[in-house]
Amino acid sequence: MTAETTKLTIRLPRQDVEFAKAYAKAHNLSVTEVIDRYLRRIRAIEGRAPSMALESITGLVPRDVDAVAEHRRHLMGKHGA
């Protein structure tokens, strides 16, 4: 059964519209199909748990570490002042 549809008008920068049209044409789709597929994918991943890779590194850096300062320190050591 086909879902009920409704018309939506959106305003995007010209370059985004041109990209969407070119992408759709290159993949033999309509712009509507491109947007629909993208929204379905977002909806599908919305409730998913974080990936195993993310889970494996979560919590490795203690909360009291200033990550930005540590990164700067690392870069200074690597590249010099």
Protein backbone atom coordinates (compact mmCIF):
# COMPACT_ATOMS: atom_id res chain seq x y z
CA MET A 1 0.00 0.00 0.00
CA THR A 2 1.33 3.44 -0.92
CA ALA A 3 1.74 5.96 1.90
CA GLU A 4 -0.18 9.21 1.77
CA THR A 5 1.98 12.02 0.43
CA THR A 6 1.88 15.76 0.70
CA LYS A 7 3.69 18.56 -1.09
CA LEU A 8 6.49 20.46 0.64
CA THR A 9 8.24 23.58 -0.58
CA ILE A 10 11.69 24.22 0.82
CA ARG A 11 14.27 26.91 0.23
CA LEU A 12 17.88 25.85 -0.20
CA PRO A 13 20.99 27.53 -1.55
CA ARG A 14 21.14 27.23 -5.33
CA GLN A 15 24.29 25.08 -5.20
CA ASP A 16 22.53 22.56 -2.94
CA VAL A 17 19.56 22.33 -5.30
CA GLU A 18 21.87 21.90 -8.28
CA PHE A 19 23.80 19.19 -6.42
CA ALA A 20 20.60 17.37 -5.46
CA LYS A 21 19.37 17.42 -9.06
CA ALA A 22 22.72 16.23 -10.43
CA TYR A 23 22.98 13.48 -7.81
CA ALA A 24 19.44 12.32 -8.51
CA LYS A 25 20.03 12.27 -12.25
CA ALA A 26 23.32 10.41 -11.90
CA HIS A 27 21.60 7.75 -9.80
CA ASN A 28 18.47 7.59 -11.95
CA LEU A 29 16.26 8.96 -9.16
CA SER A 30 14.05 11.95 -8.61
CA VAL A 31 15.04 14.57 -6.04
CA THR A 32 11.99 13.46 -4.04
CA GLU A 33 13.33 9.88 -3.98
CA VAL A 34 16.75 11.09 -2.84
CA ILE A 35 15.24 13.05 0.04
CA ASP A 36 12.85 10.23 0.93
CA ARG A 37 15.67 7.69 1.08
CA TYR A 38 17.79 10.02 3.19
CA LEU A 39 14.98 10.63 5.67
CA ARG A 40 14.21 6.90 5.89
CA ARG A 41 17.87 6.20 6.63
CA ILE A 42 17.92 8.84 9.38
CA ARG A 43 14.73 7.40 10.85
CA ALA A 44 16.20 3.88 10.76
CA ILE A 45 19.40 4.82 12.60
CA GLU A 46 17.75 7.19 15.08
CA GLY A 47 17.17 4.53 17.70
CA ARG A 48 20.31 2.46 17.11
CA ALA A 49 22.94 2.01 19.75
CA PRO A 50 26.40 3.46 19.07
CA SER A 51 28.67 1.35 16.91
CA MET A 52 30.98 -1.23 18.45
CA ALA A 53 33.99 0.89 17.46
CA LEU A 54 32.60 3.92 19.30
CA GLU A 55 31.67 1.80 22.30
CA SER A 56 35.20 0.41 22.46
CA ILE A 57 36.82 3.85 22.79
CA THR A 58 34.16 5.56 24.91
CA GLY A 59 35.49 6.45 28.34
CA LEU A 60 39.17 5.96 27.53
CA VAL A 61 39.97 9.61 28.25
CA PRO A 62 39.24 10.62 31.85
CA ARG A 63 36.63 13.37 32.28
CA ASP A 64 39.06 15.70 34.05
CA VAL A 65 41.45 15.85 31.05
CA ASP A 66 41.28 19.00 28.91
CA ALA A 67 41.32 17.32 25.50
CA VAL A 68 41.84 20.58 23.58
CA ALA A 69 44.85 21.55 25.70
CA GLU A 70 46.29 18.04 25.40
CA HIS A 71 45.89 18.12 21.64
CA ARG A 72 47.62 21.50 21.43
CA ARG A 73 50.44 20.18 23.60
CA HIS A 74 50.78 17.17 21.32
CA LEU A 75 50.89 19.36 18.21
CA MET A 76 53.48 21.69 19.73
CA GLY A 77 55.66 18.71 20.60
CA LYS A 78 55.25 17.22 17.16
CA HIS A 79 55.65 20.37 15.05
CA GLY A 80 57.45 22.74 17.42
CA ALA A 81 56.58 26.31 18.25
